[in-house]
Amino acid sequence: MKKITFTTIYFLLLSLTASVLMQCRSHSDAASGKEIYKRYCVTCHGIHGDLKTNGARDLNYSVLSLEERILVITEGRNVMTPFKSILSPSQIRAVAEFTLGFKTKADGSGN
């Protein structure tokens, strides 16, 4: 009886730990969108998304959906570097989600 209980508790704790780690990883990727943007995107798009250096678009007025932003970041566009070999898919998604905040600020519906 003790062996079954110990084994059950062990696998339960192992499953719980794996679940928590996956959630932490997901939260970490989402939280890092801003840091990824600062590292790779600020040079052309600027801190507020409106620098427009080297032909970069003003992200404050972009009408691209999240999926379209992910595609542009992944594959690049015009002179923009493709990031598929630099960032993971979750990092690309995180930075794409972060850039959606610029549109919100431009249209007055956010802070």
Protein backbone atom coordinates (compact mmCIF):
# COMPACT_ATOMS: atom_id res chain seq x y z
CA MET A 1 0.00 0.00 0.00
CA LYS A 2 2.81 2.44 0.87
CA LYS A 3 4.55 1.73 -2.45
CA ILE A 4 1.42 2.53 -4.45
CA THR A 5 0.81 5.71 -2.48
CA PHE A 6 4.42 6.87 -2.83
CA THR A 7 4.44 6.13 -6.57
CA THR A 8 1.13 7.92 -7.08
CA ILE A 9 2.29 10.96 -5.14
CA TYR A 10 5.61 10.99 -7.02
CA PHE A 11 3.92 11.02 -10.44
CA LEU A 12 1.36 13.57 -9.29
CA LEU A 13 4.13 15.92 -8.14
CA LEU A 14 6.08 15.30 -11.34
CA SER A 15 3.03 16.18 -13.44
CA LEU A 16 2.32 19.28 -11.38
CA THR A 17 5.93 20.44 -11.70
CA ALA A 18 5.89 19.96 -15.48
CA SER A 19 2.64 21.93 -15.73
CA VAL A 20 4.01 24.81 -13.65
CA LEU A 21 7.22 24.92 -15.70
CA MET A 22 5.25 25.07 -18.95
CA GLN A 23 3.13 27.92 -17.62
CA CYS A 24 6.24 29.78 -16.45
CA ARG A 25 7.83 29.34 -19.89
CA SER A 26 4.68 30.67 -21.58
CA HIS A 27 4.53 33.67 -19.23
CA SER A 28 8.25 34.28 -19.71
CA ASP A 29 7.87 34.38 -23.52
CA ALA A 30 4.94 36.77 -23.30
CA ALA A 31 6.75 39.01 -20.85
CA SER A 32 9.82 39.02 -23.06
CA GLY A 33 8.04 40.51 -26.09
CA LYS A 34 9.03 43.98 -24.96
CA GLU A 35 12.65 42.95 -24.35
CA ILE A 36 12.85 41.18 -27.72
CA TYR A 37 11.42 44.27 -29.42
CA LYS A 38 13.99 46.47 -27.67
CA ARG A 39 16.83 44.19 -28.73
CA TYR A 40 15.92 43.57 -32.37
CA CYS A 41 13.34 46.12 -33.54
CA VAL A 42 14.07 49.50 -31.95
CA THR A 43 16.85 50.38 -34.40
CA CYS A 44 14.37 50.67 -37.29
CA HIS A 45 10.95 50.97 -35.63
CA GLY A 46 11.95 53.07 -32.61
CA ILE A 47 10.97 52.69 -28.98
CA HIS A 48 7.42 53.85 -29.71
CA GLY A 49 7.08 52.08 -33.07
CA ASP A 50 7.20 55.30 -35.07
CA LEU A 51 10.87 55.82 -36.06
CA LYS A 52 10.51 54.55 -39.67
CA THR A 53 14.26 54.12 -40.27
CA ASN A 54 15.37 52.12 -43.34
CA GLY A 55 11.85 51.99 -44.70
CA ALA A 56 10.35 50.52 -41.51
CA ARG A 57 6.60 51.01 -41.11
CA ASP A 58 5.07 53.09 -38.34
CA LEU A 59 3.64 50.37 -36.12
CA ASN A 60 1.20 52.82 -34.55
CA TYR A 61 -0.82 52.80 -37.76
CA SER A 62 -0.33 49.20 -38.84
CA VAL A 63 -3.54 47.37 -39.70
CA LEU A 64 -1.88 43.94 -39.72
CA SER A 65 -3.52 41.22 -37.66
CA LEU A 66 -1.53 39.22 -35.12
CA GLU A 67 -1.11 36.39 -37.63
CA GLU A 68 0.09 38.80 -40.33
CA ARG A 69 2.59 40.36 -37.92
CA ILE A 70 3.89 36.91 -37.02
CA LEU A 71 4.36 36.16 -40.73
CA VAL A 72 6.20 39.45 -41.39
CA ILE A 73 8.48 38.97 -38.38
CA THR A 74 9.13 35.35 -39.34
CA GLU A 75 9.71 35.83 -43.09
CA GLY A 76 10.73 39.50 -43.24
CA ARG A 77 9.40 42.05 -45.72
CA ASN A 78 11.24 44.29 -48.19
CA VAL A 79 14.53 45.08 -46.40
CA MET A 80 13.34 43.77 -43.02
CA THR A 81 15.34 40.83 -41.72
CA PRO A 82 13.50 37.51 -41.42
CA PHE A 83 13.72 36.36 -37.80
CA LYS A 84 12.82 32.69 -38.29
CA SER A 85 16.43 31.62 -37.73
CA ILE A 86 17.03 34.12 -34.90
CA LEU A 87 13.94 33.84 -32.68
CA SER A 88 11.79 30.89 -31.62
CA PRO A 89 8.14 30.78 -32.74
CA SER A 90 7.04 31.69 -29.21
CA GLN A 91 9.43 34.66 -29.13
CA ILE A 92 8.15 35.83 -32.53
CA ARG A 93 4.59 35.58 -31.26
CA ALA A 94 5.54 37.48 -28.09
CA VAL A 95 7.04 40.40 -30.01
CA ALA A 96 4.10 40.41 -32.45
CA GLU A 97 1.68 40.60 -29.51
CA PHE A 98 3.76 43.40 -27.99
CA THR A 99 3.56 45.45 -31.21
CA LEU A 100 -0.24 45.31 -31.11
CA GLY A 101 0.01 47.73 -28.18
CA PHE A 102 1.31 50.49 -30.43
CA LYS A 103 -1.92 50.50 -32.45
CA THR A 104 -3.95 50.73 -29.25
CA LYS A 105 -1.99 53.79 -28.16
CA ALA A 106 -2.32 55.47 -31.55
CA ASP A 107 -6.08 55.09 -31.77
CA GLY A 108 -6.59 56.38 -28.22
CA SER A 109 -8.10 53.18 -26.82
CA GLY A 110 -5.15 52.40 -24.55
CA ASN A 111 -2.64 54.04 -22.29
